[in-house]
């Protein structure tokens, strides 16, 4: 594996591939409109990496970050190369780029959920890549998530402040 990350900008050559992967990887109620994500790269809060192996697109990571923390909003690996170490390699690359804590939300592991096995695999994956429970849960669009963190000195208030800035500066929403 020769993983290379490219900082996404408006001239990125893989927009169509990223959009296709985004729509296949995340349920509609968990997705922002792709046009909003694409437009958001002009914000200093947004960092979007496209990942390639030997010139072939393998995935992306979309983060919202400031000096206190980095929030991993979306991580997706192309389904044709999943379970080959790319997700772990992408997380390692992200960790090497950020000295501040990295936070993410994942669907809570509810044994009654239809996709419980998928949720459990996801939890195991993140645990094996150095993430631990941040000790709190949130709900968006009727979906309950558990927050996870990699790093130290995490403060929930800083995460909420970052979300507030993102909503205002990127989404143009006050609440």
Protein backbone atom coordinates (compact mmCIF):
# COMPACT_ATOMS: atom_id res chain seq x y z
CA UNK A 1 0.00 0.00 0.00
CA UNK A 2 1.28 3.44 -0.99
CA UNK A 3 -1.37 5.72 0.48
CA UNK A 4 -1.24 9.37 -0.57
CA UNK A 5 -3.51 12.11 0.74
CA UNK A 6 -4.46 15.13 -1.34
CA UNK A 7 -6.09 18.18 0.20
CA UNK A 8 -9.35 18.59 -1.72
CA UNK A 9 -10.02 21.88 -3.46
CA UNK A 10 -12.35 23.03 -6.24
CA UNK A 11 -10.02 21.61 -8.90
CA UNK A 12 -10.06 18.09 -7.44
CA UNK A 13 -10.31 15.48 -10.21
CA UNK A 14 -12.31 12.95 -8.20
CA UNK A 15 -15.46 14.90 -7.29
CA UNK A 16 -17.73 12.39 -9.03
CA UNK A 17 -16.05 9.43 -7.34
CA UNK A 18 -16.26 11.12 -3.93
CA UNK A 19 -19.93 11.98 -4.42
CA UNK A 20 -20.74 8.40 -5.45
CA UNK A 21 -18.83 6.97 -2.46
CA UNK A 22 -20.46 9.49 -0.11
CA UNK A 23 -23.97 8.54 -1.23
CA UNK A 24 -23.24 4.80 -0.99
CA UNK A 25 -21.51 5.02 2.38
CA UNK A 26 -23.92 7.11 4.43
CA UNK A 27 -27.69 6.84 4.83
CA UNK A 28 -29.57 9.87 3.53
CA UNK A 29 -30.60 11.06 6.99
CA UNK A 30 -26.92 11.13 8.00
CA UNK A 31 -25.78 13.13 4.96
CA UNK A 32 -25.59 16.82 4.30
CA UNK A 33 -26.31 17.71 0.67
CA UNK A 34 -23.12 17.03 -1.27
CA UNK A 35 -23.21 20.52 -2.80
CA UNK A 36 -22.98 21.93 0.74
CA UNK A 37 -19.89 19.81 1.44
CA UNK A 38 -18.32 20.85 -1.84
CA UNK A 39 -18.99 24.52 -1.16
CA UNK A 40 -17.69 24.18 2.41
CA UNK A 41 -14.08 23.63 1.36
CA UNK A 42 -13.74 27.42 1.18
CA UNK A 43 -14.13 27.55 4.98
CA UNK A 44 -10.99 27.58 7.12
CA UNK A 45 -12.80 25.13 9.43
CA UNK A 46 -13.08 22.40 6.78
CA UNK A 47 -10.32 20.01 5.82
CA UNK A 48 -11.11 17.38 3.20
CA UNK A 49 -8.62 14.76 2.11
CA UNK A 50 -8.94 12.42 -0.85
CA UNK A 51 -6.86 9.25 -0.55
CA UNK A 52 -5.15 7.37 -3.35
CA UNK A 53 -3.12 4.20 -3.63
CA UNK A 54 -0.86 4.07 -6.67
CA UNK A 55 -3.03 6.70 -8.36
CA UNK A 56 -6.36 4.96 -7.66
CA UNK A 57 -8.94 6.71 -5.50
CA UNK A 58 -9.62 4.64 -2.36
CA UNK A 59 -11.48 6.98 0.00
CA UNK A 60 -11.84 10.31 1.70
CA UNK A 61 -11.97 12.01 5.09
CA UNK A 62 -13.96 15.19 5.76
CA UNK A 63 -13.03 17.00 8.96
CA UNK A 64 -14.02 20.16 10.77
CA UNK A 65 -11.19 21.50 12.90
CA UNK A 66 -9.86 24.39 14.89
CA UNK A 67 -6.87 24.74 17.19
CA UNK A 68 -8.54 22.78 20.01
CA UNK A 69 -9.84 19.67 18.21
CA UNK A 70 -10.56 17.94 14.92
CA UNK A 71 -13.97 16.41 14.32
CA UNK A 72 -14.05 13.55 11.80
CA UNK A 73 -17.37 14.20 10.14
CA UNK A 74 -17.10 11.60 7.37
CA UNK A 75 -14.65 8.78 6.64
CA UNK A 76 -15.37 6.55 3.67
CA UNK A 77 -13.39 3.80 1.96
CA UNK A 78 -14.41 2.53 -1.45
CA UNK A 79 -16.31 -0.73 -1.05
CA UNK A 80 -14.03 -2.51 -3.54
CA UNK A 81 -11.03 -2.08 -1.21
CA UNK A 82 -12.61 -2.34 2.23
CA UNK A 83 -11.07 -4.67 4.83
CA UNK A 84 -7.63 -4.19 3.28
CA UNK A 85 -6.24 -1.75 5.84
CA UNK A 86 -7.14 1.51 4.10
CA UNK A 87 -9.42 2.77 6.87
CA UNK A 88 -6.73 2.23 9.49
CA UNK A 89 -4.12 3.82 7.22
CA UNK A 90 -6.36 6.86 6.69
CA UNK A 91 -6.91 7.22 10.44
CA UNK A 92 -3.16 6.96 11.04
CA UNK A 93 -2.57 9.65 8.41
CA UNK A 94 -5.15 11.92 10.04
CA UNK A 95 -3.60 11.35 13.48
CA UNK A 96 -0.19 12.31 12.07
CA UNK A 97 -1.60 15.60 10.76
CA UNK A 98 -3.39 16.74 13.94
CA UNK A 99 -1.86 17.25 17.36
CA UNK A 100 -5.23 18.09 18.90
CA UNK A 101 -7.79 15.42 19.91
CA UNK A 102 -9.75 13.79 17.08
CA UNK A 103 -13.44 13.28 17.79
CA UNK A 104 -16.07 11.34 15.87
CA UNK A 105 -19.63 10.19 16.36
CA UNK A 106 -20.85 6.72 15.48
CA UNK A 107 -24.25 5.12 15.78
CA UNK A 108 -24.65 3.77 19.29
CA UNK A 109 -24.33 -0.02 19.60
CA UNK A 110 -27.96 -0.84 20.26
CA UNK A 111 -28.46 -4.61 20.22
CA UNK A 112 -31.97 -4.07 18.82
CA UNK A 113 -30.81 -2.04 15.80
CA UNK A 114 -31.27 -3.66 12.39
CA UNK A 115 -27.61 -3.04 11.60
CA UNK A 116 -26.25 -4.04 15.02
CA UNK A 117 -23.49 -6.23 13.56
CA UNK A 118 -22.31 -3.37 11.34
CA UNK A 119 -22.31 -1.00 14.33
CA UNK A 120 -20.33 -3.50 16.40
CA UNK A 121 -17.74 -3.92 13.60
CA UNK A 122 -17.44 -0.13 13.33
CA UNK A 123 -16.96 0.19 17.11
CA UNK A 124 -14.28 -2.54 17.08
CA UNK A 125 -12.56 -0.83 14.14
CA UNK A 126 -12.34 2.53 15.89
CA UNK A 127 -11.24 0.95 19.18
CA UNK A 128 -8.46 -0.90 17.36
CA UNK A 129 -7.36 2.46 15.94
CA UNK A 130 -6.97 4.17 19.30
CA UNK A 131 -10.41 5.69 19.86
CA UNK A 132 -12.20 5.46 23.19
CA UNK A 133 -15.66 6.52 24.27
CA UNK A 134 -15.84 10.21 25.15
CA UNK A 135 -18.58 9.36 27.63
CA UNK A 136 -21.53 11.11 26.07
CA UNK A 137 -24.18 10.58 23.43
CA UNK A 138 -25.91 12.92 21.00
CA UNK A 139 -28.87 12.67 18.63
CA UNK A 140 -29.19 14.09 15.11
CA UNK A 141 -32.20 13.59 12.88
CA UNK A 142 -33.57 10.90 15.17
CA UNK A 143 -30.36 8.85 15.17
CA UNK A 144 -28.48 8.35 18.46
CA UNK A 145 -24.70 8.52 18.32
CA UNK A 146 -21.93 7.92 20.79
CA UNK A 147 -18.97 10.28 20.68
CA UNK A 148 -15.48 8.78 20.51
CA UNK A 149 -12.09 10.40 20.91
CA UNK A 150 -8.47 9.78 20.07
CA UNK A 151 -6.12 11.94 22.09
CA UNK A 152 -6.23 13.78 25.37
CA UNK A 153 -7.43 17.08 26.78
CA UNK A 154 -10.86 16.82 25.17
CA UNK A 155 -13.54 19.22 26.36
CA UNK A 156 -17.15 18.72 25.26
CA UNK A 157 -17.75 22.48 25.36
CA UNK A 158 -15.06 22.99 22.71
CA UNK A 159 -16.77 20.45 20.46
CA UNK A 160 -20.10 22.21 20.87
CA UNK A 161 -18.44 25.56 20.11
CA UNK A 162 -16.88 24.09 16.96
CA UNK A 163 -20.27 22.74 15.82
CA UNK A 164 -21.83 26.14 16.44
CA UNK A 165 -19.16 27.84 14.29
CA UNK A 166 -19.59 25.23 11.54
CA UNK A 167 -23.37 25.66 11.52
CA UNK A 168 -23.05 29.42 11.34
CA UNK A 169 -20.06 29.83 9.02
CA UNK A 170 -20.57 26.85 6.70
CA UNK A 171 -24.25 25.99 6.85
CA UNK A 172 -25.46 29.54 7.48
CA UNK A 173 -27.70 28.40 10.34
CA UNK A 174 -27.94 30.08 13.70
CA UNK A 175 -29.43 27.09 15.60
